[in-house]
Amino acid sequence: MNRSASTPRLRATQLLFLVLLLASAFVGTVDLSPAVDLLLRLTALLLVAAACLGRIWCSAFIAGQKDVALVQTGPYSILRHPLYALSFIAACGLALATRSAVLALVAIVAVSLLLASAARAEERMLAQRFASDWPAYSAATPRWWPRFGHYHLPQRVTLPPSVFWKAFLDAGAMLLLFVLIDAAATLRIAGLTPKLLALP
């Protein structure tokens, strides 16, 4: 089995989301009003769905290219780390799905630290691998806050179907995780799971 530089970050993220899923069932309050509960659930779903669609769109540009060229088109023309930014948006959605302020805050801070560390490591690698292109690209393209006026599309992209399929599987896994966290929080709010910690 191949182990890439991102393997430790991916495993840490998976562990974080597993803990978030388990905590959703047992940690938090049960006194949300129906209107607040519905608003949180819908906002969470919209964030996760938007992130999933965005990650699929990003894969059309980065798939099969990230090791051979510095991708500077599509979402990579407005942001240096669109996949990480979308992962953060998805994490915010998953955090809101817990319907617990404390769980949401802990999850968002933890994911922010993981993604910031991953972005710094990736930028060091890109600066070495693409030394001639990186300085101008990094100077013109923000790390986190998109510069929409710079968006441009290439004439065409080469899209290996297997890599694009993986993007769909990743999106499906993210949506499944949302469903599980939402269900766990719903059981907690309904009083059907033991409440281990009554955090807000």
N, C-alpha and C. Protein backbone atom coordinates (compact mmCIF):
# COMPACT_ATOMS: atom_id res chain seq x y z
N MET A 1 0.84 -1.20 0.00
CA MET A 1 0.00 0.00 0.00
C MET A 1 0.87 1.25 0.00
N ASN A 2 0.57 2.21 -0.90
CA ASN A 2 1.35 3.43 -1.00
C ASN A 2 1.04 4.36 0.15
N ARG A 3 2.10 5.00 0.65
CA ARG A 3 1.94 5.98 1.72
C ARG A 3 2.46 7.30 1.21
N SER A 4 1.57 8.26 1.05
CA SER A 4 1.98 9.56 0.54
C SER A 4 2.26 10.49 1.72
N ALA A 5 2.74 11.69 1.36
CA ALA A 5 3.03 12.68 2.40
C ALA A 5 1.76 13.12 3.12
N SER A 6 0.61 12.97 2.46
CA SER A 6 -0.64 13.41 3.06
C SER A 6 -1.29 12.34 3.95
N THR A 7 -0.72 11.13 3.98
CA THR A 7 -1.34 10.04 4.74
C THR A 7 -1.54 10.38 6.22
N PRO A 8 -0.54 10.92 6.92
CA PRO A 8 -0.77 11.25 8.34
C PRO A 8 -1.90 12.26 8.53
N ARG A 9 -1.99 13.28 7.66
CA ARG A 9 -3.07 14.26 7.78
C ARG A 9 -4.43 13.62 7.51
N LEU A 10 -4.48 12.76 6.50
CA LEU A 10 -5.75 12.09 6.20
C LEU A 10 -6.20 11.21 7.36
N ARG A 11 -5.26 10.51 7.96
CA ARG A 11 -5.62 9.65 9.10
C ARG A 11 -6.06 10.47 10.29
N ALA A 12 -5.39 11.59 10.53
CA ALA A 12 -5.79 12.46 11.65
C ALA A 12 -7.18 13.03 11.40
N THR A 13 -7.47 13.40 10.14
CA THR A 13 -8.79 13.94 9.81
C THR A 13 -9.86 12.87 9.99
N GLN A 14 -9.57 11.64 9.53
CA GLN A 14 -10.53 10.55 9.69
C GLN A 14 -10.81 10.28 11.16
N LEU A 15 -9.76 10.29 11.97
CA LEU A 15 -9.94 10.06 13.41
C LEU A 15 -10.78 11.18 14.03
N LEU A 16 -10.50 12.41 13.63
CA LEU A 16 -11.27 13.56 14.14
C LEU A 16 -12.76 13.40 13.81
N PHE A 17 -13.06 13.03 12.58
CA PHE A 17 -14.47 12.90 12.19
C PHE A 17 -15.13 11.69 12.86
N LEU A 18 -14.38 10.64 13.12
CA LEU A 18 -14.93 9.50 13.85
C LEU A 18 -15.28 9.91 15.28
N VAL A 19 -14.39 10.66 15.92
CA VAL A 19 -14.67 11.16 17.27
C VAL A 19 -15.87 12.10 17.25
N LEU A 20 -15.95 12.95 16.22
CA LEU A 20 -17.08 13.87 16.09
C LEU A 20 -18.40 13.10 15.95
N LEU A 21 -18.36 12.04 15.16
CA LEU A 21 -19.56 11.21 14.99
C LEU A 21 -20.01 10.59 16.31
N LEU A 22 -19.07 10.01 17.03
CA LEU A 22 -19.41 9.38 18.31
C LEU A 22 -19.89 10.42 19.32
N ALA A 23 -19.18 11.54 19.37
CA ALA A 23 -19.55 12.58 20.33
C ALA A 23 -20.94 13.16 20.03
N SER A 24 -21.31 13.20 18.76
CA SER A 24 -22.61 13.76 18.38
C SER A 24 -23.77 13.03 19.05
N ALA A 25 -23.57 11.74 19.31
CA ALA A 25 -24.65 10.94 19.91
C ALA A 25 -24.74 11.12 21.42
N PHE A 26 -23.65 11.53 22.07
CA PHE A 26 -23.61 11.50 23.53
C PHE A 26 -23.25 12.82 24.20
N VAL A 27 -22.82 13.81 23.42
CA VAL A 27 -22.35 15.07 24.01
C VAL A 27 -23.18 16.23 23.45
N GLY A 28 -23.75 17.01 24.32
CA GLY A 28 -24.53 18.16 23.89
C GLY A 28 -25.83 18.26 24.65
N THR A 29 -26.61 19.24 24.29
CA THR A 29 -27.89 19.45 24.95
C THR A 29 -29.01 18.82 24.14
N VAL A 30 -30.19 18.78 24.72
CA VAL A 30 -31.34 18.22 24.01
C VAL A 30 -32.47 19.25 23.92
N ASP A 31 -32.16 20.51 24.17
CA ASP A 31 -33.22 21.52 24.26
C ASP A 31 -33.23 22.53 23.11
N LEU A 32 -32.88 22.10 21.91
CA LEU A 32 -32.95 23.01 20.77
C LEU A 32 -34.40 23.16 20.31
N SER A 33 -34.76 24.37 19.93
CA SER A 33 -36.11 24.56 19.39
C SER A 33 -36.16 23.92 18.01
N PRO A 34 -37.33 23.49 17.57
CA PRO A 34 -37.45 22.88 16.24
C PRO A 34 -36.95 23.79 15.11
N ALA A 35 -37.20 25.09 15.23
CA ALA A 35 -36.77 26.01 14.17
C ALA A 35 -35.25 26.10 14.10
N VAL A 36 -34.59 26.20 15.27
CA VAL A 36 -33.13 26.27 15.30
C VAL A 36 -32.53 24.96 14.81
N ASP A 37 -33.11 23.85 15.23
CA ASP A 37 -32.64 22.53 14.81
C ASP A 37 -32.71 22.42 13.29
N LEU A 38 -33.82 22.81 12.70
CA LEU A 38 -33.99 22.72 11.25
C LEU A 38 -33.02 23.64 10.52
N LEU A 39 -32.84 24.85 11.03
CA LEU A 39 -31.92 25.80 10.41
C LEU A 39 -30.49 25.26 10.41
N LEU A 40 -30.07 24.70 11.54
CA LEU A 40 -28.72 24.15 11.62
C LEU A 40 -28.55 22.98 10.66
N ARG A 41 -29.54 22.12 10.59
CA ARG A 41 -29.46 20.94 9.72
C ARG A 41 -29.39 21.35 8.24
N LEU A 42 -30.23 22.30 7.84
CA LEU A 42 -30.24 22.74 6.44
C LEU A 42 -28.94 23.45 6.07
N THR A 43 -28.45 24.31 6.98
CA THR A 43 -27.19 25.00 6.72
C THR A 43 -26.05 24.00 6.61
N ALA A 44 -26.03 23.02 7.51
CA ALA A 44 -25.00 22.00 7.47
C ALA A 44 -25.03 21.23 6.15
N LEU A 45 -26.22 20.84 5.72
CA LEU A 45 -26.35 20.09 4.46
C LEU A 45 -25.89 20.93 3.28
N LEU A 46 -26.28 22.20 3.23
CA LEU A 46 -25.86 23.06 2.13
C LEU A 46 -24.35 23.21 2.07
N LEU A 47 -23.71 23.39 3.23
CA LEU A 47 -22.25 23.53 3.27
C LEU A 47 -21.57 22.26 2.78
N VAL A 48 -22.02 21.11 3.26
CA VAL A 48 -21.40 19.84 2.87
C VAL A 48 -21.62 19.59 1.38
N ALA A 49 -22.84 19.81 0.89
CA ALA A 49 -23.13 19.58 -0.52
C ALA A 49 -22.31 20.51 -1.42
N ALA A 50 -22.22 21.79 -1.04
CA ALA A 50 -21.43 22.74 -1.84
C ALA A 50 -19.96 22.33 -1.86
N ALA A 51 -19.44 21.89 -0.72
CA ALA A 51 -18.05 21.46 -0.66
C ALA A 51 -17.82 20.22 -1.53
N CYS A 52 -18.75 19.30 -1.51
CA CYS A 52 -18.62 18.09 -2.33
C CYS A 52 -18.60 18.43 -3.81
N LEU A 53 -19.52 19.28 -4.25
CA LEU A 53 -19.54 19.68 -5.65
C LEU A 53 -18.27 20.43 -6.03
N GLY A 54 -17.82 21.31 -5.15
CA GLY A 54 -16.59 22.05 -5.42
C GLY A 54 -15.38 21.16 -5.52
N ARG A 55 -15.31 20.15 -4.67
CA ARG A 55 -14.16 19.23 -4.71
C ARG A 55 -14.17 18.41 -6.00
N ILE A 56 -15.34 18.04 -6.47
CA ILE A 56 -15.41 17.33 -7.76
C ILE A 56 -14.93 18.25 -8.89
N TRP A 57 -15.36 19.52 -8.85
CA TRP A 57 -14.92 20.48 -9.86
C TRP A 57 -13.41 20.67 -9.81
N CYS A 58 -12.84 20.76 -8.62
CA CYS A 58 -11.38 20.91 -8.50
C CYS A 58 -10.65 19.72 -9.10
N SER A 59 -11.20 18.54 -8.90
CA SER A 59 -10.51 17.33 -9.38
C SER A 59 -10.38 17.33 -10.90
N ALA A 60 -11.28 18.02 -11.61
CA ALA A 60 -11.18 18.10 -13.06
C ALA A 60 -9.91 18.80 -13.51
N PHE A 61 -9.36 19.67 -12.65
CA PHE A 61 -8.18 20.43 -13.01
C PHE A 61 -6.90 19.83 -12.44
N ILE A 62 -6.98 19.22 -11.28
CA ILE A 62 -5.79 18.73 -10.61
C ILE A 62 -5.50 17.26 -10.93
N ALA A 63 -6.53 16.51 -11.35
CA ALA A 63 -6.40 15.07 -11.56
C ALA A 63 -5.31 14.76 -12.59
N GLY A 64 -4.32 13.99 -12.15
CA GLY A 64 -3.24 13.58 -13.04
C GLY A 64 -2.24 14.67 -13.35
N GLN A 65 -2.40 15.86 -12.79
CA GLN A 65 -1.52 16.99 -13.10
C GLN A 65 -0.64 17.42 -11.94
N LYS A 66 -1.07 17.14 -10.71
CA LYS A 66 -0.41 17.79 -9.57
C LYS A 66 1.06 17.41 -9.41
N ASP A 67 1.48 16.26 -9.96
CA ASP A 67 2.88 15.87 -9.82
C ASP A 67 3.73 16.28 -11.02
N VAL A 68 3.09 16.77 -12.08
CA VAL A 68 3.86 17.09 -13.28
C VAL A 68 3.81 18.56 -13.67
N ALA A 69 2.85 19.29 -13.12
CA ALA A 69 2.73 20.72 -13.46
C ALA A 69 2.13 21.48 -12.30
N LEU A 70 2.43 22.76 -12.24
CA LEU A 70 1.81 23.64 -11.26
C LEU A 70 0.48 24.11 -11.84
N VAL A 71 -0.62 23.57 -11.33
CA VAL A 71 -1.94 23.87 -11.87
C VAL A 71 -2.32 25.30 -11.47
N GLN A 72 -2.64 26.12 -12.48
CA GLN A 72 -2.94 27.53 -12.23
C GLN A 72 -4.24 27.97 -12.90
N THR A 73 -5.08 27.00 -13.26
CA THR A 73 -6.33 27.32 -13.95
C THR A 73 -7.52 26.82 -13.15
N GLY A 74 -8.72 27.23 -13.60
CA GLY A 74 -9.92 26.83 -12.88
C GLY A 74 -9.88 27.36 -11.46
N PRO A 75 -10.28 26.54 -10.48
CA PRO A 75 -10.28 27.01 -9.09
C PRO A 75 -8.89 27.38 -8.59
N TYR A 76 -7.85 26.82 -9.23
CA TYR A 76 -6.48 27.11 -8.81
C TYR A 76 -6.00 28.46 -9.33
N SER A 77 -6.82 29.12 -10.14
CA SER A 77 -6.46 30.47 -10.59
C SER A 77 -6.92 31.53 -9.61
N ILE A 78 -7.82 31.16 -8.70
CA ILE A 78 -8.33 32.15 -7.73
C ILE A 78 -7.88 31.86 -6.30
N LEU A 79 -7.31 30.67 -6.09
CA LEU A 79 -6.98 30.23 -4.72
C LEU A 79 -5.90 29.16 -4.82
N ARG A 80 -4.89 29.23 -3.97
CA ARG A 80 -3.81 28.24 -4.03
C ARG A 80 -4.25 26.88 -3.51
N HIS A 81 -5.22 26.86 -2.59
CA HIS A 81 -5.62 25.59 -1.97
C HIS A 81 -7.15 25.41 -1.99
N PRO A 82 -7.75 25.35 -3.18
CA PRO A 82 -9.21 25.22 -3.20
C PRO A 82 -9.72 23.93 -2.57
N LEU A 83 -8.98 22.83 -2.73
CA LEU A 83 -9.44 21.58 -2.10
C LEU A 83 -9.44 21.70 -0.58
N TYR A 84 -8.42 22.32 -0.03
CA TYR A 84 -8.37 22.48 1.43
C TYR A 84 -9.45 23.45 1.89
N ALA A 85 -9.67 24.52 1.12
CA ALA A 85 -10.71 25.48 1.49
C ALA A 85 -12.08 24.80 1.48
N LEU A 86 -12.32 23.97 0.49
CA LEU A 86 -13.59 23.25 0.42
C LEU A 86 -13.70 22.20 1.53
N SER A 87 -12.59 21.60 1.89
CA SER A 87 -12.60 20.67 3.02
C SER A 87 -12.97 21.39 4.30
N PHE A 88 -12.50 22.62 4.45
CA PHE A 88 -12.87 23.42 5.61
C PHE A 88 -14.37 23.72 5.62
N ILE A 89 -14.91 24.07 4.45
CA ILE A 89 -16.35 24.32 4.36
C ILE A 89 -17.14 23.07 4.72
N ALA A 90 -16.69 21.92 4.22
CA ALA A 90 -17.36 20.65 4.57
C ALA A 90 -17.28 20.39 6.06
N ALA A 91 -16.11 20.65 6.65
CA ALA A 91 -15.95 20.44 8.09
C ALA A 91 -16.87 21.35 8.89
N CYS A 92 -17.07 22.58 8.41
CA CYS A 92 -18.01 23.48 9.10
C CYS A 92 -19.42 22.91 9.04
N GLY A 93 -19.78 22.35 7.88
CA GLY A 93 -21.09 21.73 7.77
C GLY A 93 -21.25 20.54 8.69
N LEU A 94 -20.23 19.68 8.74
CA LEU A 94 -20.29 18.52 9.63
C LEU A 94 -20.35 18.98 11.09
N ALA A 95 -19.61 20.03 11.40
CA ALA A 95 -19.62 20.55 12.78
C ALA A 95 -21.01 21.08 13.15
N LEU A 96 -21.64 21.80 12.23
CA LEU A 96 -22.99 22.31 12.50
C LEU A 96 -24.00 21.17 12.65
N ALA A 97 -23.77 20.08 11.93
CA ALA A 97 -24.69 18.95 11.99
C ALA A 97 -24.75 18.32 13.38
N THR A 98 -23.72 18.55 14.21
CA THR A 98 -23.74 18.02 15.58
C THR A 98 -24.75 18.75 16.44
N ARG A 99 -25.12 19.98 16.03
CA ARG A 99 -26.02 20.84 16.80
C ARG A 99 -25.53 21.04 18.23
N SER A 100 -24.21 21.16 18.35
CA SER A 100 -23.58 21.44 19.65
C SER A 100 -22.51 22.50 19.41
N ALA A 101 -22.61 23.62 20.08
CA ALA A 101 -21.65 24.71 19.89
C ALA A 101 -20.24 24.28 20.25
N VAL A 102 -20.10 23.52 21.34
CA VAL A 102 -18.76 23.11 21.78
C VAL A 102 -18.15 22.13 20.79
N LEU A 103 -18.91 21.12 20.38
CA LEU A 103 -18.40 20.16 19.40
C LEU A 103 -18.03 20.86 18.10
N ALA A 104 -18.88 21.78 17.66
CA ALA A 104 -18.62 22.49 16.41
C ALA A 104 -17.34 23.30 16.51
N LEU A 105 -17.17 24.02 17.61
CA LEU A 105 -15.98 24.84 17.78
C LEU A 105 -14.71 24.00 17.81
N VAL A 106 -14.73 22.91 18.57
CA VAL A 106 -13.56 22.04 18.66
C VAL A 106 -13.22 21.46 17.29
N ALA A 107 -14.24 21.00 16.57
CA ALA A 107 -14.00 20.41 15.25
C ALA A 107 -13.44 21.43 14.27
N ILE A 108 -13.99 22.63 14.27
CA ILE A 108 -13.54 23.65 13.32
C ILE A 108 -12.11 24.08 13.62
N VAL A 109 -11.78 24.24 14.89
CA VAL A 109 -10.40 24.61 15.25
C VAL A 109 -9.43 23.50 14.86
N ALA A 110 -9.79 22.25 15.16
CA ALA A 110 -8.90 21.13 14.86
C ALA A 110 -8.68 20.99 13.35
N VAL A 111 -9.75 21.09 12.56
CA VAL A 111 -9.61 20.99 11.11
C VAL A 111 -8.80 22.16 10.56
N SER A 112 -9.02 23.34 11.11
CA SER A 112 -8.25 24.52 10.67
C SER A 112 -6.76 24.30 10.87
N LEU A 113 -6.38 23.77 12.02
CA LEU A 113 -4.96 23.52 12.30
C LEU A 113 -4.39 22.47 11.36
N LEU A 114 -5.15 21.39 11.12
CA LEU A 114 -4.69 20.34 10.21
C LEU A 114 -4.50 20.87 8.80
N LEU A 115 -5.47 21.63 8.30
CA LEU A 115 -5.39 22.13 6.94
C LEU A 115 -4.32 23.20 6.77
N ALA A 116 -4.15 24.05 7.77
CA ALA A 116 -3.10 25.06 7.69
C ALA A 116 -1.73 24.41 7.64
N SER A 117 -1.53 23.38 8.45
CA SER A 117 -0.26 22.66 8.44
C SER A 117 -0.04 21.97 7.09
N ALA A 118 -1.09 21.34 6.56
CA ALA A 118 -0.98 20.67 5.26
C ALA A 118 -0.67 21.66 4.15
N ALA A 119 -1.29 22.84 4.19
CA ALA A 119 -1.05 23.85 3.15
C ALA A 119 0.40 24.33 3.19
N ARG A 120 0.93 24.55 4.39
CA ARG A 120 2.33 25.00 4.49
C ARG A 120 3.28 23.93 3.94
N ALA A 121 3.03 22.67 4.29
CA ALA A 121 3.89 21.58 3.81
C ALA A 121 3.80 21.46 2.29
N GLU A 122 2.60 21.57 1.76
CA GLU A 122 2.42 21.47 0.31
C GLU A 122 3.10 22.61 -0.41
N GLU A 123 3.03 23.80 0.16
CA GLU A 123 3.67 24.95 -0.49
C GLU A 123 5.19 24.81 -0.51
N ARG A 124 5.76 24.24 0.55
CA ARG A 124 7.21 24.00 0.55
C ARG A 124 7.58 23.04 -0.57
N MET A 125 6.78 21.99 -0.74
CA MET A 125 7.04 21.01 -1.79
C MET A 125 6.88 21.64 -3.18
N LEU A 126 5.81 22.42 -3.38
CA LEU A 126 5.58 23.05 -4.68
C LEU A 126 6.68 24.06 -5.02
N ALA A 127 7.13 24.79 -4.01
CA ALA A 127 8.19 25.77 -4.24
C ALA A 127 9.47 25.10 -4.70
N GLN A 128 9.74 23.90 -4.20
CA GLN A 128 10.93 23.16 -4.63
C GLN A 128 10.73 22.52 -6.00
N ARG A 129 9.57 21.91 -6.20
CA ARG A 129 9.32 21.16 -7.43
C ARG A 129 9.13 22.08 -8.64
N PHE A 130 8.50 23.23 -8.42
CA PHE A 130 8.21 24.15 -9.53
C PHE A 130 8.83 25.51 -9.23
N ALA A 131 10.12 25.50 -9.03
CA ALA A 131 10.84 26.70 -8.58
C ALA A 131 10.69 27.87 -9.54
N SER A 132 10.55 27.61 -10.83
CA SER A 132 10.47 28.72 -11.78
C SER A 132 9.08 29.37 -11.82
N ASP A 133 8.03 28.59 -11.54
CA ASP A 133 6.66 29.11 -11.62
C ASP A 133 6.07 29.53 -10.28
N TRP A 134 6.56 28.93 -9.19
CA TRP A 134 5.92 29.14 -7.90
C TRP A 134 5.95 30.59 -7.41
N PRO A 135 7.07 31.31 -7.48
CA PRO A 135 7.08 32.67 -6.92
C PRO A 135 6.00 33.58 -7.51
N ALA A 136 5.85 33.57 -8.85
CA ALA A 136 4.84 34.45 -9.47
C ALA A 136 3.43 33.97 -9.13
N TYR A 137 3.23 32.66 -9.14
CA TYR A 137 1.91 32.12 -8.83
C TYR A 137 1.50 32.44 -7.39
N SER A 138 2.39 32.20 -6.45
CA SER A 138 2.06 32.44 -5.05
C SER A 138 1.89 33.92 -4.74
N ALA A 139 2.59 34.77 -5.48
CA ALA A 139 2.44 36.21 -5.28
C ALA A 139 1.10 36.71 -5.82
N ALA A 140 0.61 36.10 -6.89
CA ALA A 140 -0.62 36.57 -7.53
C ALA A 140 -1.88 35.89 -7.02
N THR A 141 -1.72 34.71 -6.39
CA THR A 141 -2.89 33.91 -6.02
C THR A 141 -2.94 33.75 -4.50
N PRO A 142 -4.03 34.17 -3.88
CA PRO A 142 -4.13 34.08 -2.41
C PRO A 142 -4.14 32.63 -1.94
N ARG A 143 -3.70 32.43 -0.72
CA ARG A 143 -3.70 31.10 -0.13
C ARG A 143 -5.12 30.66 0.21
N TRP A 144 -5.90 31.51 0.87
CA TRP A 144 -7.20 31.09 1.39
C TRP A 144 -8.38 31.90 0.87
N TRP A 145 -8.22 33.20 0.65
CA TRP A 145 -9.36 34.04 0.30
C TRP A 145 -9.40 34.20 -1.22
N PRO A 146 -10.44 33.69 -1.90
CA PRO A 146 -10.42 33.67 -3.37
C PRO A 146 -10.41 35.05 -4.00
N ARG A 147 -9.68 35.15 -5.09
CA ARG A 147 -9.65 36.37 -5.90
C ARG A 147 -10.41 36.05 -7.19
N PHE A 148 -11.73 36.21 -7.15
CA PHE A 148 -12.60 35.75 -8.24
C PHE A 148 -12.31 36.42 -9.57
N GLY A 149 -11.79 37.63 -9.53
CA GLY A 149 -11.48 38.34 -10.78
C GLY A 149 -10.39 37.67 -11.59
N HIS A 150 -9.65 36.77 -11.00
CA HIS A 150 -8.55 36.10 -11.70
C HIS A 150 -8.96 34.76 -12.30
N TYR A 151 -10.24 34.40 -12.16
CA TYR A 151 -10.68 33.08 -12.61
C TYR A 151 -10.54 32.94 -14.13
N HIS A 152 -9.89 31.88 -14.55
CA HIS A 152 -9.82 31.59 -15.98
C HIS A 152 -9.76 30.08 -16.21
N LEU A 153 -10.31 29.68 -17.34
CA LEU A 153 -10.39 28.27 -17.70
C LEU A 153 -9.43 27.98 -18.84
N PRO A 154 -8.86 26.79 -18.84
CA PRO A 154 -8.02 26.40 -19.98
C PRO A 154 -8.90 25.99 -21.16
N GLN A 155 -8.28 25.83 -22.33
CA GLN A 155 -9.01 25.36 -23.50
C GLN A 155 -9.59 23.98 -23.26
N ARG A 156 -8.81 23.12 -22.60
CA ARG A 156 -9.27 21.76 -22.29
C ARG A 156 -8.47 21.22 -21.12
N VAL A 157 -9.00 20.19 -20.50
CA VAL A 157 -8.29 19.48 -19.43
C VAL A 157 -8.27 18.00 -19.75
N THR A 158 -7.22 17.33 -19.29
CA THR A 158 -7.14 15.88 -19.42
C THR A 158 -7.66 15.29 -18.12
N LEU A 159 -8.66 14.45 -18.23
CA LEU A 159 -9.33 13.97 -17.04
C LEU A 159 -9.35 12.44 -17.00
N PRO A 160 -8.42 11.83 -16.25
CA PRO A 160 -8.45 10.37 -16.12
C PRO A 160 -9.73 9.95 -15.39
N PRO A 161 -10.55 9.10 -16.00
CA PRO A 161 -11.82 8.71 -15.37
C PRO A 161 -11.66 8.13 -13.98
N SER A 162 -10.58 7.38 -13.74
CA SER A 162 -10.42 6.75 -12.42
C SER A 162 -10.23 7.81 -11.33
N VAL A 163 -9.54 8.88 -11.64
CA VAL A 163 -9.32 9.94 -10.65
C VAL A 163 -10.62 10.71 -10.42
N PHE A 164 -11.36 10.96 -11.50
CA PHE A 164 -12.63 11.66 -11.36
C PHE A 164 -13.62 10.81 -10.56
N TRP A 165 -13.61 9.50 -10.80
CA TRP A 165 -14.48 8.59 -10.05
C TRP A 165 -14.15 8.65 -8.57
N LYS A 166 -12.85 8.74 -8.25
CA LYS A 166 -12.43 8.84 -6.85
C LYS A 166 -13.01 10.10 -6.21
N ALA A 167 -13.08 11.18 -6.98
CA ALA A 167 -13.67 12.42 -6.45
C ALA A 167 -15.14 12.21 -6.10
N PHE A 168 -15.86 11.46 -6.93
CA PHE A 168 -17.26 11.16 -6.63
C PHE A 168 -17.38 10.28 -5.39
N LEU A 169 -16.48 9.31 -5.25
CA LEU A 169 -16.51 8.46 -4.06
C LEU A 169 -16.21 9.26 -2.80
N ASP A 170 -15.24 10.18 -2.88
CA ASP A 170 -14.93 11.04 -1.74
C ASP A 170 -16.14 11.89 -1.36
N ALA A 171 -16.82 12.43 -2.38
CA ALA A 171 -18.01 13.24 -2.12
C ALA A 171 -19.10 12.39 -1.47
N GLY A 172 -19.27 11.17 -1.96
CA GLY A 172 -20.26 10.27 -1.38
C GLY A 172 -19.95 9.94 0.07
N ALA A 173 -18.66 9.74 0.36
CA ALA A 173 -18.26 9.45 1.74
C ALA A 173 -18.53 10.63 2.65
N MET A 174 -18.31 11.85 2.14
CA MET A 174 -18.56 13.05 2.93
C MET A 174 -20.05 13.21 3.21
N LEU A 175 -20.88 12.96 2.20
CA LEU A 175 -22.32 13.04 2.40
C LEU A 175 -22.81 11.97 3.37
N LEU A 176 -22.24 10.77 3.27
CA LEU A 176 -22.60 9.70 4.21
C LEU A 176 -22.23 10.10 5.63
N LEU A 177 -21.05 10.70 5.80
CA LEU A 177 -20.63 11.14 7.12
C LEU A 177 -21.59 12.19 7.67
N PHE A 178 -22.05 13.09 6.80
CA PHE A 178 -23.05 14.08 7.24
C PHE A 178 -24.31 13.37 7.74
N VAL A 179 -24.80 12.40 6.97
CA VAL A 179 -26.03 11.68 7.35
C VAL A 179 -25.84 11.01 8.70
N LEU A 180 -24.68 10.39 8.93
CA LEU A 180 -24.43 9.68 10.19
C LEU A 180 -24.35 10.66 11.37
N ILE A 181 -23.64 11.77 11.18
CA ILE A 181 -23.54 12.76 12.27
C ILE A 181 -24.90 13.37 12.55
N ASP A 182 -25.63 13.70 11.50
CA ASP A 182 -26.98 14.26 11.67
C ASP A 182 -27.88 13.27 12.42
N ALA A 183 -27.81 12.00 12.05
CA ALA A 183 -28.63 10.98 12.71
C ALA A 183 -28.24 10.82 14.18
N ALA A 184 -26.93 10.83 14.45
CA ALA A 184 -26.47 10.69 15.83
C ALA A 184 -26.94 11.87 16.69
N ALA A 185 -26.83 13.08 16.14
CA ALA A 185 -27.29 14.26 16.88
C ALA A 185 -28.80 14.25 17.07
N THR A 186 -29.51 13.77 16.06
CA THR A 186 -30.97 13.69 16.16
C THR A 186 -31.39 12.73 17.27
N LEU A 187 -30.71 11.60 17.36
CA LEU A 187 -30.99 10.65 18.45
C LEU A 187 -30.72 11.27 19.80
N ARG A 188 -29.62 12.04 19.89
CA ARG A 188 -29.28 12.70 21.16
C ARG A 188 -30.35 13.71 21.54
N ILE A 189 -30.74 14.53 20.57
CA ILE A 189 -31.72 15.58 20.84
C ILE A 189 -33.08 14.98 21.21
N ALA A 190 -33.38 13.83 20.64
CA ALA A 190 -34.64 13.14 20.97
C ALA A 190 -34.57 12.43 22.30
N GLY A 191 -33.40 12.43 22.94
CA GLY A 191 -33.24 11.77 24.24
C GLY A 191 -33.13 10.26 24.13
N LEU A 192 -32.75 9.75 22.94
CA LEU A 192 -32.68 8.31 22.74
C LEU A 192 -31.28 7.73 22.96
N THR A 193 -30.32 8.58 23.26
CA THR A 193 -28.97 8.11 23.63
C THR A 193 -28.62 8.70 24.97
N PRO A 194 -27.78 8.00 25.73
CA PRO A 194 -27.38 8.56 27.03
C PRO A 194 -26.57 9.83 26.86
N LYS A 195 -26.85 10.83 27.65
CA LYS A 195 -26.14 12.10 27.58
C LYS A 195 -24.96 12.05 28.54
N LEU A 196 -23.74 11.93 27.98
CA LEU A 196 -22.54 11.83 28.82
C LEU A 196 -22.07 13.19 29.29
N LEU A 197 -22.21 14.20 28.43
CA LEU A 197 -21.81 15.57 28.79
C LEU A 197 -22.88 16.53 28.28
N ALA A 198 -23.38 17.38 29.15
CA ALA A 198 -24.42 18.33 28.76
C ALA A 198 -23.79 19.66 28.36
N LEU A 199 -22.97 19.60 27.30
CA LEU A 199 -22.33 20.82 26.82
C LEU A 199 -23.27 21.54 25.85
N PRO A 200 -23.16 22.85 25.77
CA PRO A 200 -24.02 23.58 24.81
C PRO A 200 -23.64 23.23 23.36
